[in-house]
Amino acid sequence: MFSNLIHSARLVQTLNQIMPADIKAKMSESNDAKINELVKRIQSQLQPHLELRPLEISDYSKKYLSLLEQLTKVGNVSQQQFEQQFEQISKSHSTYQIWVIEDIQTEIIVGNATLIIERKFIHNCGRAGHIEDVVISPTYRGQKLGAALIEFLTELSSIFKCYKVILDCEEKNLKFYEKFGYKQNSRHMAKYQPENE
């Protein structure tokens, strides 16, 4: 119980640090209460040795890229490349929200999901959220960590005033996302450019 309170306090502090300034300025006390409640609820779903938090520059040594290899080709990314990319992403907290779950006993990253916030002219200069790179380490699957991440980012997108949040998934995962209110809508298309991989 005490460890969950520590995790919750850290998440609240982190959310306040990464909240886009224009949104933070408009937030009321009721929204602060919503964030506190969200943090407590999501962290309470995790085992005490698991911590939900934003990606950190030190996560290179915590097998973060090995986790991403469960999704797709990562390539031979050096620590220097990782840190440079991290610094670029960190400059855009109002656009990129990369959240991980760390097993603090083993100091290994075991879960990841990203919320990308797209600013638009439509919907009164609104924002759309895109959830990407959802992955859980095979040995930690079945513990509802993916559900915790999706629930967290979906509600976080609402706090960031996104009028919608979308994601791509394989057909076998449709029922999983439907549990969170997602519905199949249109088709995803992609053109890969091998020269840039």
Protein backbone atom coordinates (compact mmCIF):
# COMPACT_ATOMS: atom_id res chain seq x y z
CA MET A 1 0.00 0.00 0.00
CA PHE A 2 2.74 2.47 0.97
CA SER A 3 4.71 1.71 -2.20
CA ASN A 4 1.58 2.40 -4.30
CA LEU A 5 1.26 5.81 -2.64
CA ILE A 6 4.88 6.58 -3.51
CA HIS A 7 4.26 5.55 -7.14
CA SER A 8 1.10 7.68 -7.25
CA ALA A 9 2.87 10.74 -5.89
CA ARG A 10 5.66 10.34 -8.44
CA LEU A 11 3.17 10.02 -11.29
CA VAL A 12 1.30 13.15 -10.23
CA GLN A 13 4.57 15.07 -10.07
CA THR A 14 5.59 13.77 -13.50
CA LEU A 15 2.23 14.59 -15.07
CA ASN A 16 2.52 18.15 -13.79
CA GLN A 17 6.00 18.43 -15.33
CA ILE A 18 5.03 17.11 -18.76
CA MET A 19 1.60 18.70 -19.10
CA PRO A 20 1.62 21.05 -22.11
CA ALA A 21 1.76 24.65 -20.84
CA ASP A 22 -1.34 25.82 -22.71
CA ILE A 23 -3.37 22.95 -21.30
CA LYS A 24 -1.92 23.30 -17.81
CA ALA A 25 -2.89 26.98 -17.79
CA LYS A 26 -6.52 26.08 -18.48
CA MET A 27 -6.75 23.21 -16.03
CA SER A 28 -9.11 23.63 -13.12
CA GLU A 29 -8.96 22.08 -9.68
CA SER A 30 -11.44 19.46 -10.86
CA ASN A 31 -9.01 18.40 -13.60
CA ASP A 32 -6.21 18.14 -11.05
CA ALA A 33 -8.46 15.85 -9.06
CA LYS A 34 -9.12 13.76 -12.20
CA ILE A 35 -5.38 13.31 -12.76
CA ASN A 36 -4.84 12.31 -9.13
CA GLU A 37 -7.66 9.81 -9.37
CA LEU A 38 -6.37 8.42 -12.68
CA VAL A 39 -2.87 7.98 -11.28
CA LYS A 40 -4.11 6.22 -8.15
CA ARG A 41 -6.45 3.96 -10.09
CA ILE A 42 -3.93 2.82 -12.69
CA GLN A 43 -1.08 2.31 -10.23
CA SER A 44 -3.38 0.33 -7.93
CA GLN A 45 -3.87 -2.18 -10.76
CA LEU A 46 -0.16 -3.01 -10.79
CA GLN A 47 1.84 -5.22 -8.48
CA PRO A 48 3.92 -3.23 -5.94
CA HIS A 49 7.17 -4.06 -7.76
CA LEU A 50 5.86 -2.61 -11.04
CA GLU A 51 6.02 1.12 -11.71
CA LEU A 52 4.25 3.08 -14.41
CA ARG A 53 6.27 6.13 -15.44
CA PRO A 54 7.51 8.12 -18.44
CA LEU A 55 10.47 6.85 -20.45
CA GLU A 56 13.81 7.98 -19.01
CA ILE A 57 17.17 8.41 -20.70
CA SER A 58 18.63 5.67 -18.47
CA ASP A 59 16.17 3.12 -19.85
CA TYR A 60 18.61 2.16 -22.59
CA SER A 61 20.36 0.03 -19.97
CA LYS A 62 17.05 -1.42 -18.79
CA LYS A 63 16.48 -3.40 -22.00
CA TYR A 64 13.97 -0.92 -23.42
CA LEU A 65 14.98 -1.58 -27.02
CA SER A 66 14.81 -5.34 -26.46
CA LEU A 67 11.19 -4.85 -25.45
CA LEU A 68 10.46 -2.86 -28.62
CA GLU A 69 11.93 -5.70 -30.69
CA GLN A 70 8.79 -7.64 -29.74
CA LEU A 71 6.96 -5.23 -32.08
CA THR A 72 9.23 -4.71 -35.05
CA LYS A 73 12.79 -4.29 -36.27
CA VAL A 74 14.69 -1.86 -34.03
CA GLY A 75 18.12 -2.02 -35.61
CA ASN A 76 21.54 -1.62 -34.03
CA VAL A 77 20.87 1.52 -31.96
CA SER A 78 23.83 2.66 -29.88
CA GLN A 79 23.44 4.29 -26.49
CA GLN A 80 24.53 7.60 -28.02
CA GLN A 81 21.86 7.35 -30.73
CA PHE A 82 19.26 6.46 -28.12
CA GLU A 83 20.18 9.43 -25.96
CA GLN A 84 20.14 11.83 -28.91
CA GLN A 85 16.71 10.59 -29.98
CA PHE A 86 15.48 10.78 -26.39
CA GLU A 87 16.61 14.41 -26.11
CA GLN A 88 14.77 15.32 -29.32
CA ILE A 89 11.59 13.64 -28.15
CA SER A 90 11.89 15.24 -24.71
CA LYS A 91 11.74 18.68 -26.31
CA SER A 92 8.22 17.86 -27.53
CA HIS A 93 6.39 16.74 -24.39
CA SER A 94 3.23 18.33 -25.73
CA THR A 95 3.42 15.91 -28.67
CA TYR A 96 5.06 12.70 -27.39
CA GLN A 97 4.06 10.83 -24.26
CA ILE A 98 6.07 7.60 -23.95
CA TRP A 99 5.10 5.61 -20.86
CA VAL A 100 6.73 2.45 -19.61
CA ILE A 101 6.24 -0.10 -16.87
CA GLU A 102 9.41 -1.01 -15.03
CA ASP A 103 9.93 -4.00 -12.81
CA ILE A 104 11.83 -2.15 -10.09
CA GLN A 105 13.12 -5.41 -8.63
CA THR A 106 14.93 -6.42 -11.81
CA GLU A 107 15.31 -2.90 -13.23
CA ILE A 108 13.92 -4.08 -16.58
CA ILE A 109 11.34 -2.26 -18.72
CA VAL A 110 8.49 -4.73 -19.21
CA GLY A 111 5.79 -2.60 -20.84
CA ASN A 112 5.54 0.34 -23.21
CA ALA A 113 2.94 2.50 -24.92
CA THR A 114 3.13 5.87 -26.64
CA LEU A 115 0.54 8.63 -26.99
CA ILE A 116 1.24 11.06 -29.83
CA ILE A 117 -0.80 14.26 -29.73
CA GLU A 118 -1.52 15.70 -33.18
CA ARG A 119 -2.55 19.35 -33.37
CA LYS A 120 -5.13 20.03 -36.09
CA PHE A 121 -7.05 22.91 -37.66
CA ILE A 122 -10.30 20.96 -37.76
CA HIS A 123 -12.53 20.56 -34.71
CA ASN A 124 -11.80 24.13 -33.60
CA CYS A 125 -8.03 23.65 -33.76
CA GLY A 126 -8.44 20.46 -31.78
CA ARG A 127 -6.10 17.62 -30.94
CA ALA A 128 -6.20 13.96 -31.92
CA GLY A 129 -4.41 11.30 -29.94
CA HIS A 130 -2.60 8.37 -31.55
CA ILE A 131 -1.65 5.35 -29.45
CA GLU A 132 1.41 3.53 -30.78
CA ASP A 133 3.97 0.89 -29.81
CA VAL A 134 1.93 -0.99 -27.22
CA VAL A 135 3.97 -3.95 -26.06
CA ILE A 136 4.36 -6.10 -22.96
CA SER A 137 7.29 -8.43 -22.29
CA PRO A 138 6.22 -12.05 -22.96
CA THR A 139 6.98 -13.16 -19.40
CA TYR A 140 4.67 -10.44 -18.01
CA ARG A 141 1.71 -11.01 -20.30
CA GLY A 142 -1.53 -12.11 -18.70
CA GLN A 143 -1.14 -9.62 -15.82
CA LYS A 144 -3.33 -6.96 -17.49
CA LEU A 145 -0.40 -4.58 -17.96
CA GLY A 146 -1.47 -3.80 -21.52
CA ALA A 147 -4.95 -3.00 -20.25
CA ALA A 148 -3.49 -0.65 -17.64
CA LEU A 149 -1.43 1.18 -20.28
CA ILE A 150 -4.35 1.54 -22.70
CA GLU A 151 -6.69 2.74 -19.98
CA PHE A 152 -4.07 5.22 -18.78
CA LEU A 153 -3.24 6.68 -22.21
CA THR A 154 -6.87 6.81 -23.28
CA GLU A 155 -7.79 8.85 -20.23
CA LEU A 156 -4.60 10.91 -20.51
CA SER A 157 -5.61 11.83 -24.07
CA SER A 158 -8.86 13.19 -22.68
CA ILE A 159 -6.97 15.27 -20.12
CA PHE A 160 -4.86 16.63 -22.97
CA LYS A 161 -8.14 17.67 -24.66
CA CYS A 162 -7.98 15.23 -27.58
CA TYR A 163 -11.36 15.02 -29.32
CA LYS A 164 -10.54 11.45 -30.40
CA VAL A 165 -7.87 8.83 -29.87
CA ILE A 166 -7.01 6.26 -32.52
CA LEU A 167 -4.73 3.25 -32.89
CA ASP A 168 -3.83 0.50 -35.32
CA CYS A 169 -3.96 -3.14 -34.33
CA GLU A 170 -4.03 -6.62 -35.79
CA GLU A 171 -7.43 -8.20 -36.28
CA LYS A 172 -6.74 -10.72 -33.50
CA ASN A 173 -6.51 -7.82 -31.02
CA LEU A 174 -9.79 -6.09 -31.96
CA LYS A 175 -11.75 -7.52 -29.05
CA PHE A 176 -9.09 -6.38 -26.58
CA TYR A 177 -9.35 -2.75 -27.69
CA GLU A 178 -13.13 -2.89 -27.99
CA LYS A 179 -13.25 -3.40 -24.20
CA PHE A 180 -11.95 0.18 -23.89
CA GLY A 181 -14.52 1.68 -26.25
CA TYR A 182 -12.52 1.53 -29.47
CA LYS A 183 -14.38 0.68 -32.68
CA GLN A 184 -13.11 -0.48 -36.04
CA ASN A 185 -13.16 2.50 -38.40
CA SER A 186 -11.96 2.53 -42.03
CA ARG A 187 -8.71 0.93 -43.22
CA HIS A 188 -5.08 1.55 -42.41
CA MET A 189 -2.68 1.91 -45.31
CA ALA A 190 1.10 2.15 -45.27
CA LYS A 191 3.86 2.61 -47.80
CA TYR A 192 7.21 1.49 -46.48
CA GLN A 193 10.31 3.09 -47.94
CA PRO A 194 13.19 0.62 -47.55
CA GLU A 195 15.82 3.24 -48.27
CA ASN A 196 14.86 5.04 -45.05
CA GLU A 197 14.73 2.03 -42.74
